[in-house]
PDB file of all heavy atoms in Angstrom:
ATOM      1  N   LEU A   1      -2.401  -5.548  15.540  1.00  0.00           N
ATOM      2  CA  LEU A   1      -2.282  -6.415  14.376  1.00  0.00           C
ATOM      3  C   LEU A   1      -3.018  -5.827  13.174  1.00  0.00           C
ATOM      4  O   LEU A   1      -2.559  -5.946  12.024  1.00  0.00           O
ATOM      5  CB  LEU A   1      -2.825  -7.811  14.693  1.00  0.00           C
ATOM      6  CG  LEU A   1      -2.011  -8.637  15.696  1.00  0.00           C
ATOM      7  CD1 LEU A   1      -2.785  -9.871  16.126  1.00  0.00           C
ATOM      8  CD2 LEU A   1      -0.668  -9.038  15.108  1.00  0.00           C
ATOM      9  N   PHE A   2      -4.137  -5.182  13.433  1.00  0.00           N
ATOM     10  CA  PHE A   2      -4.879  -4.543  12.348  1.00  0.00           C
ATOM     11  C   PHE A   2      -4.091  -3.382  11.747  1.00  0.00           C
ATOM     12  O   PHE A   2      -4.161  -3.137  10.537  1.00  0.00           O
ATOM     13  CB  PHE A   2      -6.242  -4.055  12.849  1.00  0.00           C
ATOM     14  CG  PHE A   2      -7.011  -3.275  11.809  1.00  0.00           C
ATOM     15  CD1 PHE A   2      -7.370  -3.866  10.610  1.00  0.00           C
ATOM     16  CD2 PHE A   2      -7.360  -1.949  12.033  1.00  0.00           C
ATOM     17  CE1 PHE A   2      -8.069  -3.134   9.643  1.00  0.00           C
ATOM     18  CE2 PHE A   2      -8.049  -1.222  11.083  1.00  0.00           C
ATOM     19  CZ  PHE A   2      -8.410  -1.820   9.877  1.00  0.00           C
ATOM     20  N   ILE A   3      -3.334  -2.673  12.568  1.00  0.00           N
ATOM     21  CA  ILE A   3      -2.480  -1.587  12.039  1.00  0.00           C
ATOM     22  C   ILE A   3      -1.472  -2.171  11.042  1.00  0.00           C
ATOM     23  O   ILE A   3      -1.216  -1.586   9.980  1.00  0.00           O
ATOM     24  CB  ILE A   3      -1.768  -0.850  13.192  1.00  0.00           C
ATOM     25  CG1 ILE A   3      -2.782  -0.063  14.014  1.00  0.00           C
ATOM     26  CG2 ILE A   3      -0.677   0.083  12.649  1.00  0.00           C
ATOM     27  CD1 ILE A   3      -2.207   0.553  15.285  1.00  0.00           C
ATOM     28  N   GLY A   4      -0.904  -3.324  11.382  1.00  0.00           N
ATOM     29  CA  GLY A   4      -0.009  -3.994  10.437  1.00  0.00           C
ATOM     30  C   GLY A   4      -0.716  -4.334   9.139  1.00  0.00           C
ATOM     31  O   GLY A   4      -0.165  -4.135   8.046  1.00  0.00           O
ATOM     32  N   ALA A   5      -1.957  -4.832   9.251  1.00  0.00           N
ATOM     33  CA  ALA A   5      -2.739  -5.174   8.059  1.00  0.00           C
ATOM     34  C   ALA A   5      -3.081  -3.933   7.239  1.00  0.00           C
ATOM     35  O   ALA A   5      -3.133  -3.990   6.003  1.00  0.00           O
ATOM     36  CB  ALA A   5      -4.019  -5.904   8.475  1.00  0.00           C
ATOM     37  N   MET A   6      -3.295  -2.812   7.904  1.00  0.00           N
ATOM     38  CA  MET A   6      -3.590  -1.560   7.194  1.00  0.00           C
ATOM     39  C   MET A   6      -2.448  -1.160   6.272  1.00  0.00           C
ATOM     40  O   MET A   6      -2.677  -0.675   5.158  1.00  0.00           O
ATOM     41  CB  MET A   6      -3.854  -0.434   8.202  1.00  0.00           C
ATOM     42  CG  MET A   6      -5.190  -0.496   8.907  1.00  0.00           C
ATOM     43  SD  MET A   6      -5.322   0.744  10.220  1.00  0.00           S
ATOM     44  CE  MET A   6      -5.223   2.273   9.254  1.00  0.00           C
ATOM     45  N   GLY A   7      -1.217  -1.363   6.733  1.00  0.00           N
ATOM     46  CA  GLY A   7      -0.072  -1.005   5.908  1.00  0.00           C
ATOM     47  C   GLY A   7       0.044  -1.873   4.675  1.00  0.00           C
ATOM     48  O   GLY A   7       0.144  -1.376   3.545  1.00  0.00           O
ATOM     49  N   LYS A   8       0.012  -3.192   4.860  1.00  0.00           N
ATOM     50  CA  LYS A   8       0.172  -4.110   3.724  1.00  0.00           C
ATOM     51  C   LYS A   8      -0.983  -3.996   2.737  1.00  0.00           C
ATOM     52  O   LYS A   8      -0.784  -4.078   1.525  1.00  0.00           O
ATOM     53  CB  LYS A   8       0.275  -5.550   4.224  1.00  0.00           C
ATOM     54  CG  LYS A   8       1.658  -5.991   4.653  1.00  0.00           C
ATOM     55  CD  LYS A   8       2.622  -6.127   3.476  1.00  0.00           C
ATOM     56  CE  LYS A   8       3.949  -6.738   3.919  1.00  0.00           C
ATOM     57  NZ  LYS A   8       4.772  -5.791   4.685  1.00  0.00           N
ATOM     58  N   SER A   9      -2.203  -3.834   3.239  1.00  0.00           N
ATOM     59  CA  SER A   9      -3.370  -3.787   2.354  1.00  0.00           C
ATOM     60  C   SER A   9      -3.809  -2.367   2.034  1.00  0.00           C
ATOM     61  O   SER A   9      -4.950  -2.146   1.616  1.00  0.00           O
ATOM     62  CB  SER A   9      -4.534  -4.585   2.962  1.00  0.00           C
ATOM     63  OG  SER A   9      -4.252  -5.968   2.917  1.00  0.00           O
ATOM     64  N   ALA A  10      -2.914  -1.403   2.245  1.00  0.00           N
ATOM     65  CA  ALA A  10      -3.097  -0.020   1.775  1.00  0.00           C
ATOM     66  C   ALA A  10      -4.425   0.593   2.222  1.00  0.00           C
ATOM     67  O   ALA A  10      -5.179   1.132   1.417  1.00  0.00           O
ATOM     68  CB  ALA A  10      -2.982   0.025   0.247  1.00  0.00           C
ATOM     69  N   GLN A  11      -4.700   0.515   3.521  1.00  0.00           N
ATOM     70  CA  GLN A  11      -5.904   1.121   4.068  1.00  0.00           C
ATOM     71  C   GLN A  11      -5.599   2.551   4.539  1.00  0.00           C
ATOM     72  O   GLN A  11      -4.506   2.827   5.022  1.00  0.00           O
ATOM     73  CB  GLN A  11      -6.436   0.291   5.240  1.00  0.00           C
ATOM     74  CG  GLN A  11      -6.823  -1.123   4.872  1.00  0.00           C
ATOM     75  CD  GLN A  11      -7.954  -1.194   3.875  1.00  0.00           C
ATOM     76  OE1 GLN A  11      -9.077  -0.778   4.159  1.00  0.00           O
ATOM     77  NE2 GLN A  11      -7.676  -1.721   2.689  1.00  0.00           N
ATOM     78  N   PHE A  12      -6.562   3.430   4.385  1.00  0.00           N
ATOM     79  CA  PHE A  12      -6.413   4.818   4.827  1.00  0.00           C
ATOM     80  C   PHE A  12      -6.047   4.850   6.314  1.00  0.00           C
ATOM     81  O   PHE A  12      -6.642   4.147   7.114  1.00  0.00           O
ATOM     82  CB  PHE A  12      -7.735   5.568   4.602  1.00  0.00           C
ATOM     83  CG  PHE A  12      -7.724   6.976   5.127  1.00  0.00           C
ATOM     84  CD1 PHE A  12      -7.212   8.005   4.367  1.00  0.00           C
ATOM     85  CD2 PHE A  12      -8.231   7.269   6.390  1.00  0.00           C
ATOM     86  CE1 PHE A  12      -7.196   9.295   4.859  1.00  0.00           C
ATOM     87  CE2 PHE A  12      -8.220   8.554   6.883  1.00  0.00           C
ATOM     88  CZ  PHE A  12      -7.695   9.577   6.118  1.00  0.00           C
ATOM     89  N   PRO A  13      -5.055   5.647   6.727  1.00  0.00           N
ATOM     90  CA  PRO A  13      -4.260   6.608   5.948  1.00  0.00           C
ATOM     91  C   PRO A  13      -2.920   6.051   5.462  1.00  0.00           C
ATOM     92  O   PRO A  13      -2.059   6.826   5.044  1.00  0.00           O
ATOM     93  CB  PRO A  13      -4.032   7.710   6.981  1.00  0.00           C
ATOM     94  CG  PRO A  13      -3.886   6.971   8.276  1.00  0.00           C
ATOM     95  CD  PRO A  13      -4.814   5.784   8.190  1.00  0.00           C
ATOM     96  N   LEU A  14      -2.743   4.721   5.488  1.00  0.00           N
ATOM     97  CA  LEU A  14      -1.479   4.115   5.079  1.00  0.00           C
ATOM     98  C   LEU A  14      -1.547   3.589   3.641  1.00  0.00           C
ATOM     99  O   LEU A  14      -0.804   2.680   3.267  1.00  0.00           O
ATOM    100  CB  LEU A  14      -1.107   2.980   6.039  1.00  0.00           C
ATOM    101  CG  LEU A  14      -0.889   3.399   7.502  1.00  0.00           C
ATOM    102  CD1 LEU A  14      -0.654   2.180   8.391  1.00  0.00           C
ATOM    103  CD2 LEU A  14       0.298   4.352   7.619  1.00  0.00           C
ATOM    104  N   HIS A  15      -2.417   4.197   2.851  1.00  0.00           N
ATOM    105  CA  HIS A  15      -2.607   3.771   1.463  1.00  0.00           C
ATOM    106  C   HIS A  15      -1.641   4.450   0.497  1.00  0.00           C
ATOM    107  O   HIS A  15      -1.582   4.084  -0.679  1.00  0.00           O
ATOM    108  CB  HIS A  15      -4.038   4.122   1.027  1.00  0.00           C
ATOM    109  CG  HIS A  15      -4.286   5.600   0.947  1.00  0.00           C
ATOM    110  ND1 HIS A  15      -4.419   6.371   2.072  1.00  0.00           N
ATOM    111  CD2 HIS A  15      -4.369   6.443  -0.111  1.00  0.00           C
ATOM    112  CE1 HIS A  15      -4.598   7.637   1.710  1.00  0.00           C
ATOM    113  NE2 HIS A  15      -4.564   7.704   0.394  1.00  0.00           N
ATOM    114  N   VAL A  16      -0.875   5.417   0.969  1.00  0.00           N
ATOM    115  CA  VAL A  16      -0.158   6.331   0.072  1.00  0.00           C
ATOM    116  C   VAL A  16       0.931   5.646  -0.756  1.00  0.00           C
ATOM    117  O   VAL A  16       1.324   6.154  -1.807  1.00  0.00           O
ATOM    118  CB  VAL A  16       0.464   7.491   0.880  1.00  0.00           C
ATOM    119  CG1 VAL A  16      -0.631   8.383   1.449  1.00  0.00           C
ATOM    120  CG2 VAL A  16       1.347   6.968   2.018  1.00  0.00           C
ATOM    121  N   TRP A  17       1.421   4.495  -0.304  1.00  0.00           N
ATOM    122  CA  TRP A  17       2.508   3.833  -1.031  1.00  0.00           C
ATOM    123  C   TRP A  17       2.035   3.115  -2.283  1.00  0.00           C
ATOM    124  O   TRP A  17       2.788   2.981  -3.259  1.00  0.00           O
ATOM    125  CB  TRP A  17       3.218   2.828  -0.118  1.00  0.00           C
ATOM    126  CG  TRP A  17       2.376   1.641   0.272  1.00  0.00           C
ATOM    127  CD1 TRP A  17       1.563   1.536   1.359  1.00  0.00           C
ATOM    128  CD2 TRP A  17       2.264   0.398  -0.436  1.00  0.00           C
ATOM    129  NE1 TRP A  17       0.946   0.310   1.394  1.00  0.00           N
ATOM    130  CE2 TRP A  17       1.372  -0.405   0.300  1.00  0.00           C
ATOM    131  CE3 TRP A  17       2.847  -0.110  -1.594  1.00  0.00           C
ATOM    132  CZ2 TRP A  17       1.028  -1.694  -0.105  1.00  0.00           C
ATOM    133  CZ3 TRP A  17       2.508  -1.390  -2.007  1.00  0.00           C
ATOM    134  CH2 TRP A  17       1.607  -2.169  -1.264  1.00  0.00           C
ATOM    135  N   LEU A  18       0.778   2.641  -2.292  1.00  0.00           N
ATOM    136  CA  LEU A  18       0.338   1.742  -3.354  1.00  0.00           C
ATOM    137  C   LEU A  18       0.255   2.403  -4.737  1.00  0.00           C
ATOM    138  O   LEU A  18       0.737   1.830  -5.722  1.00  0.00           O
ATOM    139  CB  LEU A  18      -0.998   1.090  -2.983  1.00  0.00           C
ATOM    140  CG  LEU A  18      -1.503  -0.004  -3.922  1.00  0.00           C
ATOM    141  CD1 LEU A  18      -0.460  -1.108  -4.080  1.00  0.00           C
ATOM    142  CD2 LEU A  18      -2.810  -0.595  -3.433  1.00  0.00           C
ATOM    143  N   PRO A  19      -0.331   3.602  -4.869  1.00  0.00           N
ATOM    144  CA  PRO A  19      -0.360   4.219  -6.213  1.00  0.00           C
ATOM    145  C   PRO A  19       1.032   4.457  -6.790  1.00  0.00           C
ATOM    146  O   PRO A  19       1.238   4.302  -8.001  1.00  0.00           O
ATOM    147  CB  PRO A  19      -1.097   5.547  -5.959  1.00  0.00           C
ATOM    148  CG  PRO A  19      -1.937   5.288  -4.752  1.00  0.00           C
ATOM    149  CD  PRO A  19      -1.112   4.388  -3.899  1.00  0.00           C
ATOM    150  N   ASP A  20       1.997   4.795  -5.946  1.00  0.00           N
ATOM    151  CA  ASP A  20       3.355   5.032  -6.443  1.00  0.00           C
ATOM    152  C   ASP A  20       4.066   3.735  -6.813  1.00  0.00           C
ATOM    153  O   ASP A  20       5.040   3.747  -7.574  1.00  0.00           O
ATOM    154  CB  ASP A  20       4.180   5.776  -5.389  1.00  0.00           C
ATOM    155  CG  ASP A  20       3.758   7.235  -5.243  1.00  0.00           C
ATOM    156  OD1 ASP A  20       3.008   7.709  -6.113  1.00  0.00           O
ATOM    157  OD2 ASP A  20       4.170   7.875  -4.275  1.00  0.00           O
ATOM    158  N   ALA A  21       3.589   2.613  -6.270  1.00  0.00           N
ATOM    159  CA  ALA A  21       4.235   1.326  -6.558  1.00  0.00           C
ATOM    160  C   ALA A  21       4.114   0.934  -8.023  1.00  0.00           C
ATOM    161  O   ALA A  21       4.844   0.061  -8.497  1.00  0.00           O
ATOM    162  CB  ALA A  21       3.629   0.231  -5.680  1.00  0.00           C
ATOM    163  N   MET A  22       3.196   1.596  -8.753  1.00  0.00           N
ATOM    164  CA  MET A  22       3.052   1.266 -10.173  1.00  0.00           C
ATOM    165  C   MET A  22       4.246   1.760 -10.995  1.00  0.00           C
ATOM    166  O   MET A  22       4.327   1.511 -12.200  1.00  0.00           O
ATOM    167  CB  MET A  22       1.735   1.824 -10.719  1.00  0.00           C
ATOM    168  CG  MET A  22       1.589   3.327 -10.677  1.00  0.00           C
ATOM    169  SD  MET A  22       2.186   4.098 -12.168  1.00  0.00           S
ATOM    170  CE  MET A  22       2.488   5.772 -11.620  1.00  0.00           C
ATOM    171  N   GLU A  23       5.196   2.463 -10.364  1.00  0.00           N
ATOM    172  CA  GLU A  23       6.420   2.867 -11.058  1.00  0.00           C
ATOM    173  C   GLU A  23       7.260   1.658 -11.457  1.00  0.00           C
ATOM    174  O   GLU A  23       8.087   1.741 -12.359  1.00  0.00           O
ATOM    175  CB  GLU A  23       7.263   3.790 -10.168  1.00  0.00           C
ATOM    176  CG  GLU A  23       6.648   5.148  -9.903  1.00  0.00           C
ATOM    177  CD  GLU A  23       6.642   6.045 -11.130  1.00  0.00           C
ATOM    178  OE1 GLU A  23       7.360   5.729 -12.101  1.00  0.00           O
ATOM    179  OE2 GLU A  23       5.909   7.043 -11.131  1.00  0.00           O
ATOM    180  N   GLY A  24       7.065   0.538 -10.781  1.00  0.00           N
ATOM    181  CA  GLY A  24       7.788  -0.679 -11.123  1.00  0.00           C
ATOM    182  C   GLY A  24       7.315  -1.242 -12.453  1.00  0.00           C
ATOM    183  O   GLY A  24       6.326  -0.775 -13.035  1.00  0.00           O
ATOM    184  N   PRO A  25       8.005  -2.271 -12.977  1.00  0.00           N
ATOM    185  CA  PRO A  25       7.568  -2.915 -14.223  1.00  0.00           C
ATOM    186  C   PRO A  25       6.130  -3.411 -14.108  1.00  0.00           C
ATOM    187  O   PRO A  25       5.686  -3.822 -13.030  1.00  0.00           O
ATOM    188  CB  PRO A  25       8.548  -4.084 -14.372  1.00  0.00           C
ATOM    189  CG  PRO A  25       9.746  -3.699 -13.568  1.00  0.00           C
ATOM    190  CD  PRO A  25       9.222  -2.884 -12.422  1.00  0.00           C
ATOM    191  N   THR A  26       5.406  -3.396 -15.219  1.00  0.00           N
ATOM    192  CA  THR A  26       3.986  -3.765 -15.208  1.00  0.00           C
ATOM    193  C   THR A  26       3.724  -5.157 -14.633  1.00  0.00           C
ATOM    194  O   THR A  26       2.746  -5.339 -13.885  1.00  0.00           O
ATOM    195  CB  THR A  26       3.407  -3.643 -16.625  1.00  0.00           C
ATOM    196  OG1 THR A  26       3.500  -2.277 -17.044  1.00  0.00           O
ATOM    197  CG2 THR A  26       1.948  -4.066 -16.658  1.00  0.00           C
ATOM    198  N   PRO A  27       4.529  -6.191 -14.918  1.00  0.00           N
ATOM    199  CA  PRO A  27       4.277  -7.493 -14.287  1.00  0.00           C
ATOM    200  C   PRO A  27       4.297  -7.420 -12.761  1.00  0.00           C
ATOM    201  O   PRO A  27       3.543  -8.130 -12.090  1.00  0.00           O
ATOM    202  CB  PRO A  27       5.422  -8.369 -14.815  1.00  0.00           C
ATOM    203  CG  PRO A  27       5.814  -7.744 -16.110  1.00  0.00           C
ATOM    204  CD  PRO A  27       5.638  -6.271 -15.901  1.00  0.00           C
TER     205      PRO A  27
END
């Protein structure tokens, strides 16, 4: 369950998606 939480809350090493998510509209 913690592995699942690591993905959603961008914990190392599954953090890589979050910085790129800023490509979306600012809101």
